[in-house]
C-alpha cells in the first residue's frame, strides 16, 4: 500500500492557491480540468516531499456550504523557520490562530477553514511578538 493524497474541497480556487502556494510554499504538481463534470483538480506538494500531495477539488458551480466540521483534524507541515512562515502568512492577511509562542508549533486556517499545523524543523528560541501573542478563534 502507498499513501497518495488528501483531498479538500475549496470554494475559491484562486484564494486557496494563494494560501497553499504563496503562503505555505507548496508547488502545483499537476492540474486536471473536467468540463463535463464541471470541476477542477489541482494537486499540490511540498518541495521536500513531492510524493505526498494535497488535492484541491473545485466544483465550478457549487453553492454547497462545506462548513467547518472538526471531524477532519488538520494538515501538518514541517517548516524551516516557523517565525518567517507565520509572518509571511500574517502579512498576507491570514490569522495565526495559535501563534508559535514556543518556537515549535503554530496553527493557521486555509480560506476553506482547513486547520494547518506548522511545526518547526528543530527548535527556535521564543521570540516576540509571537511569545506573548494570545490564541485567536479556533483551529
N, C-alpha and C. Protein backbone atom coordinates (compact mmCIF):
# COMPACT_ATOMS: atom_id res chain seq x y z
N UNK A 1 0.84 -1.17 0.00
CA UNK A 1 0.00 0.00 0.00
C UNK A 1 0.89 1.23 0.00
N UNK A 2 0.45 2.27 -0.70
CA UNK A 2 1.17 3.54 -0.75
C UNK A 2 0.19 4.68 -0.56
N UNK A 3 0.49 5.58 0.39
CA UNK A 3 -0.36 6.75 0.62
C UNK A 3 -0.18 7.71 -0.56
N UNK A 4 -1.29 8.21 -1.11
CA UNK A 4 -1.22 9.07 -2.29
C UNK A 4 -1.48 10.54 -1.99
N UNK A 5 -2.68 10.85 -1.46
CA UNK A 5 -3.01 12.26 -1.24
C UNK A 5 -4.19 12.41 -0.29
N UNK A 6 -4.40 13.65 0.12
CA UNK A 6 -5.58 14.06 0.89
C UNK A 6 -6.33 15.07 0.05
N UNK A 7 -7.63 14.90 -0.07
CA UNK A 7 -8.44 15.82 -0.87
C UNK A 7 -9.20 16.77 0.05
N UNK A 8 -9.19 18.06 -0.31
CA UNK A 8 -10.03 19.04 0.36
C UNK A 8 -10.80 19.82 -0.71
N UNK A 9 -12.08 20.04 -0.43
CA UNK A 9 -12.90 20.83 -1.35
C UNK A 9 -12.66 22.30 -1.05
N UNK A 10 -12.60 23.10 -2.11
CA UNK A 10 -12.36 24.52 -1.94
C UNK A 10 -13.45 25.32 -2.64
N UNK A 11 -13.79 26.46 -2.05
CA UNK A 11 -14.83 27.34 -2.60
C UNK A 11 -14.28 28.27 -3.67
N UNK A 12 -13.04 28.73 -3.48
CA UNK A 12 -12.42 29.71 -4.38
C UNK A 12 -11.01 29.19 -4.68
N UNK A 13 -10.83 28.67 -5.89
CA UNK A 13 -9.56 28.04 -6.24
C UNK A 13 -8.40 29.03 -6.18
N UNK A 14 -8.59 30.24 -6.68
CA UNK A 14 -7.51 31.24 -6.65
C UNK A 14 -7.10 31.58 -5.22
N UNK A 15 -8.08 31.78 -4.34
CA UNK A 15 -7.77 32.10 -2.94
C UNK A 15 -7.04 30.93 -2.28
N UNK A 16 -7.46 29.72 -2.58
CA UNK A 16 -6.81 28.55 -1.99
C UNK A 16 -5.38 28.39 -2.51
N UNK A 17 -5.16 28.60 -3.80
CA UNK A 17 -3.81 28.51 -4.36
C UNK A 17 -2.91 29.59 -3.77
N UNK A 18 -3.45 30.78 -3.53
CA UNK A 18 -2.66 31.84 -2.90
C UNK A 18 -2.19 31.39 -1.52
N UNK A 19 -3.11 30.80 -0.74
CA UNK A 19 -2.78 30.34 0.60
C UNK A 19 -1.76 29.21 0.56
N UNK A 20 -2.07 28.15 -0.15
CA UNK A 20 -1.21 26.96 -0.14
C UNK A 20 0.13 27.19 -0.86
N UNK A 21 0.12 27.89 -1.97
CA UNK A 21 1.35 28.08 -2.75
C UNK A 21 2.13 29.31 -2.28
N UNK A 22 1.52 30.48 -2.33
CA UNK A 22 2.24 31.71 -1.94
C UNK A 22 2.49 31.77 -0.45
N UNK A 23 1.52 31.31 0.35
CA UNK A 23 1.66 31.38 1.80
C UNK A 23 2.49 30.25 2.39
N UNK A 24 2.13 29.01 2.06
CA UNK A 24 2.82 27.87 2.65
C UNK A 24 4.02 27.41 1.84
N UNK A 25 4.07 27.74 0.56
CA UNK A 25 5.21 27.33 -0.26
C UNK A 25 5.04 26.01 -0.98
N UNK A 26 3.80 25.48 -1.04
CA UNK A 26 3.58 24.26 -1.81
C UNK A 26 3.67 24.58 -3.30
N UNK A 27 3.90 23.55 -4.08
CA UNK A 27 4.02 23.73 -5.54
C UNK A 27 2.95 22.91 -6.24
N UNK A 28 2.42 23.48 -7.32
CA UNK A 28 1.43 22.76 -8.11
C UNK A 28 2.14 21.65 -8.88
N UNK A 29 1.71 20.41 -8.65
CA UNK A 29 2.30 19.26 -9.33
C UNK A 29 1.59 18.98 -10.65
N UNK A 30 0.28 19.09 -10.63
CA UNK A 30 -0.50 18.89 -11.85
C UNK A 30 -1.92 19.39 -11.63
N UNK A 31 -2.63 19.53 -12.75
CA UNK A 31 -3.99 20.08 -12.72
C UNK A 31 -4.82 19.32 -13.75
N UNK A 32 -6.06 19.08 -13.40
CA UNK A 32 -6.97 18.41 -14.32
C UNK A 32 -8.28 19.16 -14.36
N UNK A 33 -8.62 19.67 -15.51
CA UNK A 33 -9.90 20.35 -15.73
C UNK A 33 -10.87 19.31 -16.31
N UNK A 34 -12.06 19.22 -15.74
CA UNK A 34 -13.04 18.26 -16.21
C UNK A 34 -14.33 19.02 -16.55
N UNK A 35 -14.40 19.59 -17.77
CA UNK A 35 -15.56 20.40 -18.14
C UNK A 35 -16.89 19.65 -18.05
N UNK A 36 -16.90 18.36 -18.46
CA UNK A 36 -18.17 17.62 -18.42
C UNK A 36 -18.65 17.40 -16.99
N UNK A 37 -17.77 17.37 -16.04
CA UNK A 37 -18.14 17.23 -14.64
C UNK A 37 -18.18 18.55 -13.90
N UNK A 38 -17.73 19.61 -14.57
CA UNK A 38 -17.68 20.97 -14.02
C UNK A 38 -16.87 21.04 -12.73
N UNK A 39 -15.65 20.50 -12.80
CA UNK A 39 -14.75 20.60 -11.65
C UNK A 39 -13.31 20.65 -12.10
N UNK A 40 -12.46 21.14 -11.21
CA UNK A 40 -11.02 21.21 -11.42
C UNK A 40 -10.33 20.54 -10.24
N UNK A 41 -9.32 19.74 -10.54
CA UNK A 41 -8.49 19.12 -9.52
C UNK A 41 -7.09 19.72 -9.64
N UNK A 42 -6.55 20.19 -8.52
CA UNK A 42 -5.19 20.71 -8.51
C UNK A 42 -4.43 19.95 -7.42
N UNK A 43 -3.33 19.33 -7.81
CA UNK A 43 -2.52 18.56 -6.88
C UNK A 43 -1.30 19.39 -6.48
N UNK A 44 -1.11 19.52 -5.17
CA UNK A 44 -0.01 20.32 -4.62
C UNK A 44 0.90 19.42 -3.79
N UNK A 45 2.19 19.79 -3.75
CA UNK A 45 3.14 19.04 -2.95
C UNK A 45 4.16 19.99 -2.35
N UNK A 46 4.69 19.59 -1.20
CA UNK A 46 5.77 20.35 -0.57
C UNK A 46 7.08 20.01 -1.28
N UNK A 47 7.98 20.98 -1.40
CA UNK A 47 9.24 20.75 -2.11
C UNK A 47 10.04 19.56 -1.58
N UNK A 48 10.02 19.33 -0.27
CA UNK A 48 10.82 18.25 0.30
C UNK A 48 10.11 16.89 0.34
N UNK A 49 8.84 16.86 -0.05
CA UNK A 49 8.13 15.57 -0.09
C UNK A 49 7.14 15.57 -1.27
N UNK A 50 7.68 15.62 -2.50
CA UNK A 50 6.82 15.72 -3.67
C UNK A 50 5.93 14.50 -3.92
N UNK A 51 6.23 13.39 -3.26
CA UNK A 51 5.43 12.18 -3.46
C UNK A 51 4.13 12.19 -2.67
N UNK A 52 3.96 13.11 -1.73
CA UNK A 52 2.75 13.22 -0.92
C UNK A 52 2.03 14.50 -1.34
N UNK A 53 0.78 14.36 -1.71
CA UNK A 53 0.08 15.51 -2.29
C UNK A 53 -1.21 15.86 -1.55
N UNK A 54 -1.61 17.11 -1.74
CA UNK A 54 -2.93 17.59 -1.34
C UNK A 54 -3.68 17.83 -2.64
N UNK A 55 -4.87 17.29 -2.74
CA UNK A 55 -5.70 17.50 -3.91
C UNK A 55 -6.75 18.55 -3.56
N UNK A 56 -6.71 19.68 -4.24
CA UNK A 56 -7.75 20.69 -4.10
C UNK A 56 -8.81 20.39 -5.14
N UNK A 57 -10.05 20.23 -4.71
CA UNK A 57 -11.16 19.97 -5.62
C UNK A 57 -12.05 21.19 -5.64
N UNK A 58 -12.18 21.78 -6.83
CA UNK A 58 -13.01 22.97 -7.01
C UNK A 58 -14.18 22.59 -7.92
N UNK A 59 -15.40 22.58 -7.35
CA UNK A 59 -16.62 22.32 -8.13
C UNK A 59 -17.13 23.66 -8.63
N UNK A 60 -17.14 23.84 -9.94
CA UNK A 60 -17.33 25.14 -10.56
C UNK A 60 -18.60 25.86 -10.13
N UNK A 61 -19.71 25.20 -10.13
CA UNK A 61 -20.98 25.88 -9.88
C UNK A 61 -21.58 25.58 -8.51
N UNK A 62 -20.80 24.99 -7.63
CA UNK A 62 -21.34 24.56 -6.35
C UNK A 62 -21.60 25.73 -5.41
N UNK A 63 -22.73 25.69 -4.76
CA UNK A 63 -23.05 26.65 -3.71
C UNK A 63 -23.07 25.94 -2.35
N UNK A 64 -22.60 24.69 -2.33
CA UNK A 64 -22.60 23.88 -1.12
C UNK A 64 -21.74 24.54 -0.04
N UNK A 65 -22.27 24.51 1.18
CA UNK A 65 -21.51 25.02 2.33
C UNK A 65 -20.71 23.86 2.89
N UNK A 66 -19.40 23.93 2.76
CA UNK A 66 -18.55 22.84 3.25
C UNK A 66 -18.38 22.89 4.76
N UNK A 67 -18.85 23.95 5.38
CA UNK A 67 -18.85 24.05 6.83
C UNK A 67 -17.46 24.08 7.44
N UNK A 68 -17.42 23.86 8.72
CA UNK A 68 -16.14 23.85 9.44
C UNK A 68 -16.13 22.71 10.44
N UNK A 69 -16.63 21.55 10.00
CA UNK A 69 -16.70 20.40 10.89
C UNK A 69 -15.32 20.04 11.42
N UNK A 70 -15.28 19.59 12.66
CA UNK A 70 -14.00 19.27 13.27
C UNK A 70 -13.70 17.77 13.21
N UNK A 71 -14.48 17.01 12.41
CA UNK A 71 -14.16 15.59 12.29
C UNK A 71 -12.88 15.38 11.50
N UNK A 72 -12.53 16.33 10.65
CA UNK A 72 -11.22 16.30 9.99
C UNK A 72 -10.30 17.16 10.84
N UNK A 73 -9.21 16.60 11.31
CA UNK A 73 -8.33 17.31 12.24
C UNK A 73 -7.55 18.43 11.59
N UNK A 74 -6.44 18.10 10.92
CA UNK A 74 -5.60 19.14 10.34
C UNK A 74 -4.59 18.52 9.39
N UNK A 75 -3.98 19.37 8.59
CA UNK A 75 -2.82 19.01 7.78
C UNK A 75 -1.61 19.56 8.51
N UNK A 76 -0.49 18.86 8.48
CA UNK A 76 0.70 19.31 9.20
C UNK A 76 1.88 19.41 8.24
N UNK A 77 2.66 20.48 8.42
CA UNK A 77 3.85 20.71 7.61
C UNK A 77 5.02 21.09 8.51
N UNK A 78 6.18 20.49 8.24
CA UNK A 78 7.40 20.91 8.92
C UNK A 78 7.98 22.06 8.10
N UNK A 79 8.39 23.13 8.78
CA UNK A 79 8.90 24.33 8.11
C UNK A 79 10.31 24.65 8.61
N UNK A 80 11.07 25.32 7.75
CA UNK A 80 12.45 25.68 8.10
C UNK A 80 12.51 26.76 9.17
N UNK A 81 11.59 27.74 9.09
CA UNK A 81 11.57 28.83 10.06
C UNK A 81 10.12 29.19 10.34
N UNK A 82 9.62 28.74 11.48
CA UNK A 82 8.20 28.93 11.80
C UNK A 82 7.85 30.41 11.94
N UNK A 83 8.78 31.21 12.43
CA UNK A 83 8.51 32.64 12.58
C UNK A 83 8.37 33.31 11.22
N UNK A 84 9.25 32.98 10.29
CA UNK A 84 9.18 33.57 8.94
C UNK A 84 7.92 33.11 8.23
N UNK A 85 7.56 31.83 8.37
CA UNK A 85 6.35 31.31 7.73
C UNK A 85 5.12 32.00 8.29
N UNK A 86 5.03 32.11 9.61
CA UNK A 86 3.87 32.77 10.23
C UNK A 86 3.82 34.25 9.85
N UNK A 87 4.95 34.91 9.79
CA UNK A 87 4.97 36.33 9.42
C UNK A 87 4.50 36.51 7.98
N UNK A 88 4.96 35.64 7.07
CA UNK A 88 4.53 35.72 5.67
C UNK A 88 3.02 35.55 5.58
N UNK A 89 2.48 34.55 6.27
CA UNK A 89 1.03 34.32 6.25
C UNK A 89 0.27 35.49 6.87
N UNK A 90 0.78 36.00 7.98
CA UNK A 90 0.15 37.16 8.64
C UNK A 90 0.17 38.38 7.71
N UNK A 91 1.29 38.61 7.04
CA UNK A 91 1.40 39.74 6.10
C UNK A 91 0.44 39.59 4.92
N UNK A 92 0.08 38.35 4.61
CA UNK A 92 -0.87 38.09 3.52
C UNK A 92 -2.32 38.22 3.99
N UNK A 93 -2.51 38.49 5.29
CA UNK A 93 -3.85 38.70 5.81
C UNK A 93 -4.47 37.51 6.52
N UNK A 94 -3.70 36.45 6.73
CA UNK A 94 -4.23 35.27 7.43
C UNK A 94 -4.01 35.41 8.92
N UNK A 95 -4.95 34.89 9.70
CA UNK A 95 -4.85 34.92 11.15
C UNK A 95 -4.05 33.73 11.63
N UNK A 96 -3.08 33.97 12.47
CA UNK A 96 -2.35 32.89 13.11
C UNK A 96 -3.14 32.56 14.39
N UNK A 97 -3.93 31.51 14.33
CA UNK A 97 -4.85 31.20 15.42
C UNK A 97 -4.14 30.70 16.68
N UNK A 98 -3.07 29.94 16.49
CA UNK A 98 -2.25 29.50 17.62
C UNK A 98 -0.83 29.92 17.26
N UNK A 99 -0.37 31.05 17.78
CA UNK A 99 0.96 31.56 17.45
C UNK A 99 2.07 30.61 17.93
N UNK A 100 3.24 30.69 17.31
CA UNK A 100 4.36 29.83 17.70
C UNK A 100 5.09 30.35 18.94
N UNK A 101 4.36 30.44 20.04
CA UNK A 101 4.94 31.00 21.27
C UNK A 101 6.18 30.26 21.74
N UNK A 102 6.21 28.94 21.51
CA UNK A 102 7.30 28.12 21.99
C UNK A 102 8.41 27.92 20.95
N UNK A 103 8.26 28.54 19.77
CA UNK A 103 9.23 28.35 18.71
C UNK A 103 9.12 27.01 18.02
N UNK A 104 8.01 26.31 18.25
CA UNK A 104 7.90 24.96 17.70
C UNK A 104 6.62 24.70 16.91
N UNK A 105 5.47 25.20 17.37
CA UNK A 105 4.19 24.84 16.77
C UNK A 105 3.28 26.04 16.61
N UNK A 106 2.54 26.08 15.48
CA UNK A 106 1.55 27.12 15.23
C UNK A 106 0.40 26.51 14.43
N UNK A 107 -0.75 27.19 14.45
CA UNK A 107 -1.90 26.78 13.64
C UNK A 107 -2.44 28.00 12.90
N UNK A 108 -2.82 27.78 11.65
CA UNK A 108 -3.47 28.76 10.80
C UNK A 108 -4.57 28.00 10.07
N UNK A 109 -5.55 28.73 9.51
CA UNK A 109 -6.61 28.06 8.75
C UNK A 109 -6.61 28.55 7.31
N UNK A 110 -6.90 27.64 6.41
CA UNK A 110 -6.98 27.97 4.99
C UNK A 110 -8.24 28.79 4.73
N UNK A 111 -8.39 29.35 3.53
CA UNK A 111 -9.62 30.08 3.23
C UNK A 111 -10.88 29.22 3.37
N UNK A 112 -10.73 27.90 3.31
CA UNK A 112 -11.86 26.99 3.47
C UNK A 112 -11.91 26.37 4.85
N UNK A 113 -11.23 27.01 5.81
CA UNK A 113 -11.27 26.65 7.22
C UNK A 113 -10.62 25.31 7.56
N UNK A 114 -9.69 24.87 6.70
CA UNK A 114 -8.91 23.67 7.00
C UNK A 114 -7.81 24.08 7.96
N UNK A 115 -7.69 23.40 9.09
CA UNK A 115 -6.64 23.70 10.06
C UNK A 115 -5.30 23.20 9.52
N UNK A 116 -4.31 24.06 9.60
CA UNK A 116 -2.95 23.74 9.16
C UNK A 116 -2.03 23.88 10.35
N UNK A 117 -1.36 22.79 10.71
CA UNK A 117 -0.38 22.81 11.79
C UNK A 117 1.00 23.03 11.17
N UNK A 118 1.72 24.00 11.70
CA UNK A 118 3.09 24.27 11.28
C UNK A 118 4.01 23.83 12.40
N UNK A 119 4.99 23.01 12.08
CA UNK A 119 5.94 22.51 13.07
C UNK A 119 7.35 22.89 12.65
N UNK A 120 8.07 23.49 13.56
CA UNK A 120 9.44 23.92 13.31
C UNK A 120 10.36 22.70 13.15
N UNK A 121 11.20 22.74 12.12
CA UNK A 121 12.23 21.73 11.96
C UNK A 121 13.32 22.05 12.98
N UNK A 122 13.41 21.27 14.03
CA UNK A 122 14.30 21.60 15.14
C UNK A 122 13.55 22.49 16.12
N UNK A 123 14.28 23.40 16.74
CA UNK A 123 13.64 24.28 17.72
C UNK A 123 14.26 25.67 17.63
N UNK A 124 13.40 26.68 17.70
CA UNK A 124 13.85 28.08 17.77
C UNK A 124 13.51 28.63 19.14
N UNK A 125 14.33 29.52 19.63
CA UNK A 125 14.04 30.18 20.91
C UNK A 125 12.81 31.05 20.76
N UNK A 126 12.02 31.16 21.83
CA UNK A 126 10.84 32.04 21.78
C UNK A 126 11.23 33.46 21.39
N UNK A 127 10.38 34.08 20.54
CA UNK A 127 10.63 35.43 20.05
C UNK A 127 9.34 36.23 20.08
N UNK A 128 9.48 37.51 20.36
CA UNK A 128 8.34 38.43 20.24
C UNK A 128 8.18 38.82 18.78
N UNK A 129 6.98 39.13 18.36
CA UNK A 129 5.76 39.27 19.15
C UNK A 129 5.06 37.94 19.42
N UNK A 130 5.62 36.87 18.90
CA UNK A 130 4.96 35.57 18.96
C UNK A 130 4.83 35.02 20.37
N UNK A 131 5.87 35.17 21.20
CA UNK A 131 5.86 34.51 22.51
C UNK A 131 4.76 35.03 23.44
N UNK A 132 4.30 36.26 23.24
CA UNK A 132 3.24 36.80 24.11
C UNK A 132 1.90 36.95 23.38
N UNK A 133 1.82 36.48 22.15
CA UNK A 133 0.60 36.62 21.36
C UNK A 133 -0.44 35.58 21.81
N UNK A 134 -1.67 36.00 22.07
CA UNK A 134 -2.70 35.04 22.51
C UNK A 134 -3.26 34.23 21.34
N UNK A 135 -3.92 33.13 21.67
CA UNK A 135 -4.66 32.37 20.66
C UNK A 135 -5.81 33.21 20.17
N UNK A 136 -6.23 32.95 18.93
CA UNK A 136 -7.35 33.66 18.33
C UNK A 136 -8.29 32.65 17.70
N UNK A 137 -9.54 32.66 18.10
CA UNK A 137 -10.52 31.78 17.50
C UNK A 137 -10.22 30.32 17.75
N UNK A 138 -10.58 29.48 16.80
CA UNK A 138 -10.36 28.05 16.93
C UNK A 138 -9.54 27.56 15.75
N UNK A 139 -8.94 26.43 15.96
CA UNK A 139 -8.16 25.84 14.88
C UNK A 139 -8.42 24.37 14.88
